[in-house]
Amino acid sequence: MSNASLRLVWVYPDLLSTYGDQGNALVVERRARQRGLDVQRLDVRSDQPIPTSGDIYLIGGGEDRPQRLAAERLLRDGGLNRAAENGAIIFSVCAGYQIMGHEFVNDLGERSPGLGLLDVTSTRGEADRCVGDVLGDVDEYLRLPQLTGFENHQGITHLGPGARPLARVRLGKGNGTGDGTEGAWNDTVFGTYMHGPVLARNPQIADLLIKLSLDVNALPPVDDRWYEALRDERIAAATQPA
């Protein structure tokens, strides 16, 4: 794969990068380079235009006000929507996940429009925050192992008919709707409430993003011992009796 290249865009790290979400960009970049890919990574701050020629776009989580500002700027810019129209792969976390949907509730208690790239709508829950480790079974269509991550959110996200759940939770709240769903995805856009960073704990998801961007069915194997050790540690910690 040494002749292939990958354009990786990390969106608004100055506004949306909590709970180690920068690690998602580091993991995708490293796992692509381990396969011999030429990776061009661009970190795009909120005062810069979003390029439309990227292959994979990553957007993380953040507090309520930065989330509102990020959504407003992404809507004005339009670059991420145009990239999606071009077939780019987008992976979003927590606040970024809510922005991918039709609307969410902002820090002012108002409904803010999202980008409409996922058929989901987010509201603010009235119960306790969803905080803690999550384990879930990933949508069987994606053929991935168990999802592991850490959630910390007040939002509740409802899926429309155009979105599939990323996973079904065994432990944790996930989307917070009580139906056992966690995250959402369509052909090219993925959203999850999982931090961790989630791609360090689930490197097969990072590989999936790379495969989709390259339009290939498989990637050369790499040394996964570090990732598997981390996964085993976090899964064991989550399933131990309190």
Protein backbone atom coordinates (compact mmCIF):
# COMPACT_ATOMS: atom_id res chain seq x y z
CA MET A 1 0.00 0.00 0.00
CA SER A 2 3.07 2.21 -0.17
CA ASN A 3 1.72 4.10 -3.21
CA ALA A 4 -1.53 5.04 -1.48
CA SER A 5 -2.10 8.25 0.47
CA LEU A 6 -4.57 9.39 3.10
CA ARG A 7 -5.71 12.93 3.83
CA LEU A 8 -6.72 13.16 7.51
CA VAL A 9 -8.49 16.26 8.83
CA TRP A 10 -8.93 16.94 12.55
CA VAL A 11 -11.77 19.47 12.87
CA TYR A 12 -11.65 22.33 15.39
CA PRO A 13 -9.25 20.95 18.02
CA ASP A 14 -9.38 24.37 19.72
CA LEU A 15 -13.10 23.90 20.47
CA LEU A 16 -13.81 20.18 20.41
CA SER A 17 -11.19 17.93 21.97
CA THR A 18 -12.04 16.62 25.45
CA TYR A 19 -11.18 13.40 27.25
CA GLY A 20 -8.23 12.66 25.00
CA ASP A 21 -10.10 12.94 21.70
CA GLN A 22 -6.85 14.07 20.03
CA GLY A 23 -5.82 10.45 20.45
CA ASN A 24 -8.30 9.49 17.74
CA ALA A 25 -6.33 11.47 15.17
CA LEU A 26 -3.05 10.02 16.44
CA VAL A 27 -4.36 6.45 16.20
CA VAL A 28 -5.71 6.79 12.65
CA GLU A 29 -2.50 8.45 11.52
CA ARG A 30 -0.28 5.81 13.11
CA ARG A 31 -2.28 2.83 11.88
CA ALA A 32 -2.29 4.24 8.36
CA ARG A 33 1.48 4.81 8.43
CA GLN A 34 2.02 1.27 9.72
CA ARG A 35 0.40 0.09 6.48
CA GLY A 36 2.82 2.15 4.41
CA LEU A 37 0.33 4.90 3.61
CA ASP A 38 1.49 8.44 3.01
CA VAL A 39 -0.58 10.42 5.55
CA GLN A 40 -1.23 14.12 5.19
CA ARG A 41 -2.74 15.33 8.46
CA LEU A 42 -4.31 18.76 8.76
CA ASP A 43 -5.49 20.22 12.07
CA VAL A 44 -8.10 22.85 11.23
CA ARG A 45 -8.84 25.46 13.88
CA SER A 46 -12.21 27.16 14.15
CA ASP A 47 -10.96 30.34 12.46
CA GLN A 48 -9.85 28.39 9.37
CA PRO A 49 -11.91 27.05 6.45
CA ILE A 50 -12.68 23.34 6.33
CA PRO A 51 -10.99 21.75 3.30
CA THR A 52 -13.25 19.66 1.10
CA SER A 53 -10.60 17.30 -0.26
CA GLY A 54 -9.98 15.22 2.90
CA ASP A 55 -10.50 11.47 3.08
CA ILE A 56 -11.24 11.13 6.81
CA TYR A 57 -12.54 13.88 9.10
CA LEU A 58 -12.42 13.55 12.90
CA ILE A 59 -14.37 15.78 15.27
CA GLY A 60 -14.34 15.45 19.04
CA GLY A 61 -16.31 16.44 22.11
CA GLY A 62 -16.51 19.68 24.03
CA GLU A 63 -18.44 21.79 26.49
CA ASP A 64 -21.81 23.33 25.63
CA ARG A 65 -20.64 26.79 24.52
CA PRO A 66 -17.77 25.54 22.33
CA GLN A 67 -20.22 23.07 20.81
CA ARG A 68 -22.59 25.90 19.83
CA LEU A 69 -19.76 27.96 18.38
CA ALA A 70 -18.43 24.98 16.44
CA ALA A 71 -21.85 24.20 14.96
CA GLU A 72 -22.42 27.82 13.93
CA ARG A 73 -19.04 28.02 12.22
CA LEU A 74 -19.38 24.66 10.50
CA LEU A 75 -22.77 25.70 9.13
CA ARG A 76 -21.43 29.02 7.85
CA ASP A 77 -18.38 27.36 6.35
CA GLY A 78 -20.17 24.48 4.64
CA GLY A 79 -16.92 22.64 3.96
CA LEU A 80 -17.69 19.56 6.01
CA ASN A 81 -21.03 19.06 4.27
CA ARG A 82 -19.37 19.43 0.88
CA ALA A 83 -16.71 16.92 1.92
CA ALA A 84 -19.45 14.47 2.89
CA GLU A 85 -21.09 15.00 -0.49
CA ASN A 86 -17.72 14.10 -2.02
CA GLY A 87 -17.77 10.78 -0.16
CA ALA A 88 -15.47 11.64 2.74
CA ILE A 89 -15.59 9.53 5.91
CA ILE A 90 -16.54 11.42 9.10
CA PHE A 91 -16.10 10.13 12.65
CA SER A 92 -17.58 12.27 15.43
CA VAL A 93 -17.58 12.04 19.22
CA CYS A 94 -20.05 13.34 21.83
CA ALA A 95 -20.64 17.06 21.10
CA GLY A 96 -19.36 16.45 17.59
CA TYR A 97 -21.81 13.57 17.25
CA GLN A 98 -24.72 15.83 18.20
CA ILE A 99 -23.56 18.43 15.67
CA MET A 100 -23.73 15.82 12.90
CA GLY A 101 -27.49 15.49 13.53
CA HIS A 102 -30.44 17.71 12.72
CA GLU A 103 -30.44 19.68 15.97
CA PHE A 104 -29.27 19.77 19.59
CA VAL A 105 -29.90 21.90 22.68
CA ASN A 106 -27.16 24.49 23.23
CA ASP A 107 -25.76 26.22 26.32
CA LEU A 108 -28.51 28.86 26.12
CA GLY A 109 -31.21 26.20 26.35
CA GLU A 110 -32.15 26.80 22.72
CA ARG A 111 -32.39 24.40 19.81
CA SER A 112 -29.38 24.75 17.56
CA PRO A 113 -29.37 23.36 14.03
CA GLY A 114 -26.82 20.69 13.23
CA LEU A 115 -25.30 19.71 9.90
CA GLY A 116 -27.90 17.06 9.10
CA LEU A 117 -25.28 14.49 8.13
CA LEU A 118 -26.81 11.91 10.49
CA ASP A 119 -30.52 11.28 10.90
CA VAL A 120 -30.47 11.96 14.65
CA THR A 121 -31.86 14.64 16.97
CA SER A 122 -30.44 15.43 20.40
CA THR A 123 -32.16 16.86 23.45
CA ARG A 124 -31.02 17.46 27.01
CA GLY A 125 -31.84 14.81 29.58
CA GLU A 126 -33.53 15.65 32.86
CA ALA A 127 -32.03 12.74 34.81
CA ASP A 128 -28.47 12.29 36.03
CA ARG A 129 -25.60 12.61 33.58
CA CYS A 130 -24.54 9.49 31.72
CA VAL A 131 -21.07 8.90 33.15
CA GLY A 132 -18.90 5.82 33.20
CA ASP A 133 -17.54 2.94 31.18
CA VAL A 134 -19.57 1.52 28.32
CA LEU A 135 -19.47 -1.90 26.70
CA GLY A 136 -21.54 -2.68 23.65
CA ASP A 137 -22.04 -4.99 20.72
CA VAL A 138 -21.26 -3.19 17.48
CA ASP A 139 -23.78 -3.37 14.62
CA GLU A 140 -23.21 -6.79 13.10
CA TYR A 141 -23.10 -5.28 9.63
CA LEU A 142 -19.77 -3.63 10.53
CA ARG A 143 -18.18 -6.91 11.70
CA LEU A 144 -16.27 -5.37 14.59
CA PRO A 145 -15.49 -6.63 18.09
CA GLN A 146 -17.08 -5.35 21.28
CA LEU A 147 -17.12 -1.58 21.73
CA THR A 148 -15.41 -0.18 24.82
CA GLY A 149 -15.32 3.46 25.85
CA PHE A 150 -16.10 6.12 28.44
CA GLU A 151 -19.18 8.33 28.34
CA ASN A 152 -19.86 11.67 30.06
CA HIS A 153 -22.87 13.50 28.64
CA GLN A 154 -26.22 15.00 29.57
CA GLY A 155 -27.61 14.77 26.07
CA ILE A 156 -30.08 12.22 24.75
CA THR A 157 -29.92 11.32 21.08
CA HIS A 158 -32.85 9.85 19.16
CA LEU A 159 -32.24 8.01 15.90
CA GLY A 160 -34.37 8.52 12.83
CA PRO A 161 -35.03 5.89 10.16
CA GLY A 162 -31.99 6.98 8.15
CA ALA A 163 -29.48 6.05 10.87
CA ARG A 164 -28.42 2.72 12.34
CA PRO A 165 -27.17 2.32 15.93
CA LEU A 166 -23.41 1.99 16.08
CA ALA A 167 -23.79 -0.47 18.97
CA ARG A 168 -26.16 -2.00 21.52
CA VAL A 169 -24.97 -1.45 25.08
CA ARG A 170 -24.37 -4.18 27.61
CA LEU A 171 -23.07 -1.67 30.15
CA GLY A 172 -23.71 2.08 30.25
CA LYS A 173 -26.35 4.44 28.86
CA GLY A 174 -25.22 5.06 25.27
CA ASN A 175 -27.66 7.39 23.53
CA GLY A 176 -29.56 7.80 26.80
CA THR A 177 -32.95 6.93 25.30
CA GLY A 178 -33.38 3.71 27.26
CA ASP A 179 -33.55 1.60 24.10
CA GLY A 180 -30.00 0.28 24.49
CA THR A 181 -28.57 2.04 21.47
CA GLU A 182 -25.18 3.76 21.36
CA GLY A 183 -24.09 6.11 18.61
CA ALA A 184 -25.29 6.11 15.03
CA TRP A 185 -23.96 5.67 11.52
CA ASN A 186 -24.87 5.70 7.87
CA ASP A 187 -22.68 4.83 4.89
CA THR A 188 -19.92 7.37 5.54
CA VAL A 189 -20.74 9.24 8.77
CA PHE A 190 -20.26 7.80 12.25
CA GLY A 191 -21.14 9.22 15.66
CA THR A 192 -20.60 7.98 19.20
CA TYR A 193 -20.67 9.25 22.77
CA MET A 194 -17.52 7.24 23.54
CA HIS A 195 -14.34 8.93 24.69
CA GLY A 196 -11.33 7.04 25.89
CA PRO A 197 -10.01 7.99 23.29
CA VAL A 198 -12.37 5.60 21.58
CA LEU A 199 -10.12 4.67 18.65
CA ALA A 200 -7.25 3.71 20.97
CA ARG A 201 -9.62 1.36 22.78
CA ASN A 202 -11.18 0.18 19.50
CA PRO A 203 -8.44 0.22 16.84
CA GLN A 204 -10.58 -1.89 14.50
CA ILE A 205 -12.87 1.14 14.09
CA ALA A 206 -9.87 3.20 13.00
CA ASP A 207 -9.04 0.47 10.49
CA LEU A 208 -12.63 0.52 9.25
CA LEU A 209 -12.39 4.26 8.57
CA ILE A 210 -9.18 3.71 6.62
CA LYS A 211 -10.66 0.84 4.60
CA LEU A 212 -13.74 2.85 3.74
CA SER A 213 -11.66 5.83 2.65
CA LEU A 214 -9.48 3.61 0.42
CA ASP A 215 -12.43 1.49 -0.76
CA VAL A 216 -10.68 -1.76 0.13
CA ASN A 217 -11.94 -4.84 1.99
CA ALA A 218 -8.84 -5.54 4.06
CA LEU A 219 -5.62 -3.97 5.36
CA PRO A 220 -2.24 -5.60 6.02
CA PRO A 221 -1.97 -6.80 9.64
CA VAL A 222 -0.09 -4.77 12.24
CA ASP A 223 1.12 -5.40 15.78
CA ASP A 224 -1.97 -4.97 17.96
CA ARG A 225 -0.49 -6.13 21.29
CA TRP A 226 -0.53 -2.66 22.88
CA TYR A 227 -4.11 -1.99 21.80
CA GLU A 228 -5.32 -5.40 22.92
CA ALA A 229 -3.66 -4.95 26.31
CA LEU A 230 -5.46 -1.62 26.73
CA ARG A 231 -8.78 -3.14 25.63
CA ASP A 232 -8.44 -6.07 28.01
CA GLU A 233 -7.55 -3.74 30.89
CA ARG A 234 -10.50 -1.41 30.35
CA ILE A 235 -13.02 -4.18 29.72
CA ALA A 236 -11.87 -6.01 32.85
CA ALA A 237 -12.12 -2.80 34.92
CA ALA A 238 -15.62 -2.09 33.61
CA THR A 239 -16.93 -5.57 34.39
CA GLN A 240 -15.47 -5.94 37.88
CA PRO A 241 -18.06 -5.87 40.67
CA ALA A 242 -18.34 -2.47 42.39
